[in-house]
Amino acid sequence: MEEQNKFSSRIDFSLVTILLLLCVGSCLAIYSAQTTGQYAENFLIKQIFWYIVGIGIVLGFITLDSDQLKKFLGTPMASDYFCFFC
């Protein structure tokens, strides 16, 4: 029972590896596309920022169990729908 509650047991490391490779690939594509100088903005910084925000949100939801998610989301219908995907 205690083994199931560990943070590392809730993470699928093969999925994390694939997502990390996709993130690196997309950052390389954005970086290489910006070498033309068409835009003054740096889209790579924006992309990395939103990756960090997304990782923070995912880690926040991983630390909660299903009962805490139901309390957090409020309505039973919304929380049941969200926990269906967990």
N, C-alpha and C. Protein backbone atom coordinates (compact mmCIF):
# COMPACT_ATOMS: atom_id res chain seq x y z
N MET A 1 0.82 -1.19 0.00
CA MET A 1 0.00 0.00 0.00
C MET A 1 0.86 1.25 0.00
N GLU A 2 1.91 1.24 0.81
CA GLU A 2 2.80 2.40 0.88
C GLU A 2 3.57 2.57 -0.42
N GLU A 3 3.86 1.48 -1.09
CA GLU A 3 4.59 1.53 -2.36
C GLU A 3 3.78 2.27 -3.43
N GLN A 4 2.47 2.12 -3.43
CA GLN A 4 1.62 2.76 -4.42
C GLN A 4 1.56 4.27 -4.23
N ASN A 5 1.77 4.74 -3.01
CA ASN A 5 1.67 6.17 -2.74
C ASN A 5 2.96 6.92 -3.02
N LYS A 6 4.01 6.23 -3.35
CA LYS A 6 5.26 6.92 -3.64
C LYS A 6 5.12 7.74 -4.92
N PHE A 7 5.78 8.89 -4.91
CA PHE A 7 5.71 9.79 -6.05
C PHE A 7 6.30 9.16 -7.29
N SER A 8 7.41 8.47 -7.15
CA SER A 8 8.07 7.88 -8.33
C SER A 8 7.28 6.72 -8.92
N SER A 9 6.42 6.09 -8.13
CA SER A 9 5.63 4.98 -8.67
C SER A 9 4.48 5.47 -9.54
N ARG A 10 4.17 6.76 -9.47
CA ARG A 10 3.08 7.32 -10.28
C ARG A 10 3.57 7.82 -11.64
N ILE A 11 4.84 7.75 -11.89
CA ILE A 11 5.41 8.31 -13.12
C ILE A 11 5.77 7.19 -14.08
N ASP A 12 5.37 7.34 -15.32
CA ASP A 12 5.74 6.42 -16.38
C ASP A 12 6.98 7.01 -17.07
N PHE A 13 8.14 6.46 -16.76
CA PHE A 13 9.40 7.05 -17.22
C PHE A 13 9.61 6.91 -18.72
N SER A 14 9.04 5.90 -19.34
CA SER A 14 9.15 5.80 -20.79
C SER A 14 8.36 6.92 -21.47
N LEU A 15 7.20 7.25 -20.93
CA LEU A 15 6.41 8.36 -21.46
C LEU A 15 7.13 9.69 -21.24
N VAL A 16 7.73 9.86 -20.07
CA VAL A 16 8.49 11.08 -19.78
C VAL A 16 9.66 11.23 -20.74
N THR A 17 10.33 10.14 -21.04
CA THR A 17 11.47 10.18 -21.97
C THR A 17 11.02 10.58 -23.37
N ILE A 18 9.91 10.01 -23.82
CA ILE A 18 9.40 10.36 -25.15
C ILE A 18 8.99 11.82 -25.20
N LEU A 19 8.31 12.30 -24.17
CA LEU A 19 7.90 13.71 -24.14
C LEU A 19 9.10 14.64 -24.08
N LEU A 20 10.13 14.25 -23.35
CA LEU A 20 11.34 15.07 -23.27
C LEU A 20 12.02 15.15 -24.64
N LEU A 21 12.07 14.04 -25.35
CA LEU A 21 12.65 14.05 -26.69
C LEU A 21 11.84 14.93 -27.65
N LEU A 22 10.51 14.88 -27.53
CA LEU A 22 9.67 15.74 -28.36
C LEU A 22 9.87 17.22 -28.02
N CYS A 23 10.04 17.51 -26.74
CA CYS A 23 10.29 18.90 -26.32
C CYS A 23 11.61 19.40 -26.88
N VAL A 24 12.63 18.59 -26.78
CA VAL A 24 13.94 18.99 -27.31
C VAL A 24 13.87 19.17 -28.82
N GLY A 25 13.19 18.25 -29.50
CA GLY A 25 13.04 18.36 -30.95
C GLY A 25 12.29 19.61 -31.37
N SER A 26 11.23 19.94 -30.64
CA SER A 26 10.47 21.15 -30.99
C SER A 26 11.28 22.40 -30.70
N CYS A 27 12.06 22.40 -29.63
CA CYS A 27 12.91 23.56 -29.34
C CYS A 27 13.99 23.73 -30.41
N LEU A 28 14.55 22.63 -30.87
CA LEU A 28 15.54 22.72 -31.95
C LEU A 28 14.91 23.23 -33.25
N ALA A 29 13.68 22.80 -33.53
CA ALA A 29 13.00 23.26 -34.73
C ALA A 29 12.68 24.75 -34.65
N ILE A 30 12.25 25.21 -33.50
CA ILE A 30 11.96 26.63 -33.33
C ILE A 30 13.24 27.45 -33.43
N TYR A 31 14.31 26.95 -32.82
CA TYR A 31 15.58 27.67 -32.87
C TYR A 31 16.09 27.78 -34.31
N SER A 32 16.00 26.71 -35.06
CA SER A 32 16.51 26.75 -36.42
C SER A 32 15.60 27.59 -37.33
N ALA A 33 14.30 27.63 -37.02
CA ALA A 33 13.39 28.45 -37.83
C ALA A 33 13.59 29.94 -37.57
N GLN A 34 14.12 30.28 -36.42
CA GLN A 34 14.31 31.70 -36.09
C GLN A 34 15.62 32.26 -36.63
N THR A 35 16.42 31.47 -37.25
CA THR A 35 17.69 31.98 -37.78
C THR A 35 17.48 32.85 -39.00
N THR A 36 16.27 32.84 -39.58
CA THR A 36 16.00 33.67 -40.75
C THR A 36 15.87 35.14 -40.38
N GLY A 37 15.58 35.44 -39.11
CA GLY A 37 15.45 36.82 -38.68
C GLY A 37 14.14 37.47 -39.07
N GLN A 38 13.14 36.68 -39.40
CA GLN A 38 11.86 37.21 -39.83
C GLN A 38 11.12 37.91 -38.69
N TYR A 39 11.26 37.39 -37.46
CA TYR A 39 10.55 37.94 -36.31
C TYR A 39 11.55 38.49 -35.31
N ALA A 40 11.14 39.55 -34.63
CA ALA A 40 12.01 40.13 -33.60
C ALA A 40 11.86 39.39 -32.27
N GLU A 41 10.73 38.71 -32.05
CA GLU A 41 10.50 37.99 -30.81
C GLU A 41 11.30 36.69 -30.78
N ASN A 42 11.61 36.27 -29.57
CA ASN A 42 12.29 35.00 -29.39
C ASN A 42 11.25 33.96 -28.95
N PHE A 43 10.79 33.16 -29.90
CA PHE A 43 9.76 32.17 -29.61
C PHE A 43 10.30 30.99 -28.82
N LEU A 44 11.59 30.75 -28.87
CA LEU A 44 12.18 29.65 -28.11
C LEU A 44 12.02 29.88 -26.61
N ILE A 45 12.23 31.11 -26.17
CA ILE A 45 12.07 31.43 -24.75
C ILE A 45 10.62 31.23 -24.33
N LYS A 46 9.69 31.65 -25.17
CA LYS A 46 8.27 31.46 -24.86
C LYS A 46 7.92 29.97 -24.78
N GLN A 47 8.45 29.19 -25.68
CA GLN A 47 8.17 27.75 -25.70
C GLN A 47 8.70 27.09 -24.43
N ILE A 48 9.91 27.42 -24.06
CA ILE A 48 10.50 26.84 -22.84
C ILE A 48 9.71 27.27 -21.61
N PHE A 49 9.28 28.54 -21.57
CA PHE A 49 8.47 29.02 -20.45
C PHE A 49 7.19 28.20 -20.31
N TRP A 50 6.50 27.96 -21.41
CA TRP A 50 5.24 27.21 -21.33
C TRP A 50 5.46 25.74 -21.04
N TYR A 51 6.61 25.20 -21.44
CA TYR A 51 6.95 23.83 -21.01
C TYR A 51 7.10 23.77 -19.50
N ILE A 52 7.76 24.76 -18.93
CA ILE A 52 7.96 24.78 -17.47
C ILE A 52 6.63 24.94 -16.75
N VAL A 53 5.76 25.81 -17.25
CA VAL A 53 4.43 25.98 -16.65
C VAL A 53 3.64 24.66 -16.73
N GLY A 54 3.68 24.01 -17.86
CA GLY A 54 2.96 22.75 -18.02
C GLY A 54 3.49 21.65 -17.11
N ILE A 55 4.80 21.58 -16.97
CA ILE A 55 5.40 20.59 -16.06
C ILE A 55 4.98 20.86 -14.63
N GLY A 56 4.93 22.13 -14.25
CA GLY A 56 4.49 22.48 -12.90
C GLY A 56 3.05 22.08 -12.64
N ILE A 57 2.18 22.29 -13.61
CA ILE A 57 0.77 21.90 -13.46
C ILE A 57 0.64 20.39 -13.35
N VAL A 58 1.37 19.67 -14.19
CA VAL A 58 1.31 18.20 -14.15
C VAL A 58 1.83 17.68 -12.82
N LEU A 59 2.94 18.23 -12.33
CA LEU A 59 3.47 17.79 -11.05
C LEU A 59 2.50 18.11 -9.91
N GLY A 60 1.80 19.22 -10.02
CA GLY A 60 0.79 19.54 -9.01
C GLY A 60 -0.33 18.53 -8.97
N PHE A 61 -0.79 18.09 -10.14
CA PHE A 61 -1.86 17.10 -10.18
C PHE A 61 -1.37 15.70 -9.81
N ILE A 62 -0.12 15.40 -10.08
CA ILE A 62 0.42 14.08 -9.71
C ILE A 62 0.47 13.91 -8.20
N THR A 63 0.75 14.99 -7.48
CA THR A 63 0.88 14.88 -6.04
C THR A 63 -0.46 14.69 -5.34
N LEU A 64 -1.56 15.01 -6.01
CA LEU A 64 -2.88 14.83 -5.41
C LEU A 64 -3.42 13.44 -5.72
N ASP A 65 -4.14 12.86 -4.76
CA ASP A 65 -4.82 11.61 -5.06
C ASP A 65 -6.23 11.91 -5.53
N SER A 66 -7.00 10.90 -5.87
CA SER A 66 -8.31 11.11 -6.48
C SER A 66 -9.28 11.81 -5.53
N ASP A 67 -9.21 11.54 -4.23
CA ASP A 67 -10.09 12.21 -3.28
C ASP A 67 -9.78 13.70 -3.20
N GLN A 68 -8.50 14.04 -3.20
CA GLN A 68 -8.12 15.45 -3.17
C GLN A 68 -8.52 16.15 -4.46
N LEU A 69 -8.42 15.44 -5.58
CA LEU A 69 -8.84 16.04 -6.85
C LEU A 69 -10.34 16.32 -6.86
N LYS A 70 -11.14 15.43 -6.28
CA LYS A 70 -12.58 15.66 -6.22
C LYS A 70 -12.90 16.89 -5.37
N LYS A 71 -12.17 17.06 -4.27
CA LYS A 71 -12.37 18.25 -3.43
C LYS A 71 -11.91 19.50 -4.17
N PHE A 72 -10.80 19.40 -4.88
CA PHE A 72 -10.23 20.54 -5.58
C PHE A 72 -11.11 20.99 -6.74
N LEU A 73 -11.65 20.05 -7.49
CA LEU A 73 -12.44 20.40 -8.67
C LEU A 73 -13.88 20.76 -8.32
N GLY A 74 -14.35 20.38 -7.16
CA GLY A 74 -15.67 20.82 -6.72
C GLY A 74 -16.79 19.89 -7.10
N THR A 75 -17.39 20.10 -8.23
CA THR A 75 -18.58 19.34 -8.60
C THR A 75 -18.24 17.88 -8.85
N PRO A 76 -19.09 16.98 -8.41
CA PRO A 76 -18.80 15.55 -8.61
C PRO A 76 -18.71 15.17 -10.09
N MET A 77 -19.53 15.81 -10.91
CA MET A 77 -19.53 15.44 -12.32
C MET A 77 -18.20 15.81 -12.99
N ALA A 78 -17.69 17.00 -12.70
CA ALA A 78 -16.43 17.44 -13.29
C ALA A 78 -15.27 16.60 -12.77
N SER A 79 -15.26 16.31 -11.47
CA SER A 79 -14.14 15.55 -10.93
C SER A 79 -14.18 14.10 -11.42
N ASP A 80 -15.35 13.52 -11.54
CA ASP A 80 -15.44 12.16 -12.07
C ASP A 80 -14.97 12.10 -13.51
N TYR A 81 -15.31 13.13 -14.28
CA TYR A 81 -14.88 13.19 -15.68
C TYR A 81 -13.37 13.33 -15.76
N PHE A 82 -12.77 14.17 -14.89
CA PHE A 82 -11.32 14.34 -14.89
C PHE A 82 -10.62 13.07 -14.42
N CYS A 83 -11.12 12.44 -13.37
CA CYS A 83 -10.48 11.25 -12.83
C CYS A 83 -10.63 10.06 -13.76
N PHE A 84 -11.55 10.13 -14.71
CA PHE A 84 -11.69 9.09 -15.72
C PHE A 84 -10.42 8.99 -16.55
N PHE A 85 -9.75 10.13 -16.77
CA PHE A 85 -8.54 10.16 -17.57
C PHE A 85 -7.29 9.92 -16.74
N CYS A 86 -7.38 9.88 -15.41
CA CYS A 86 -6.19 9.70 -14.55
C CYS A 86 -5.69 8.29 -14.56
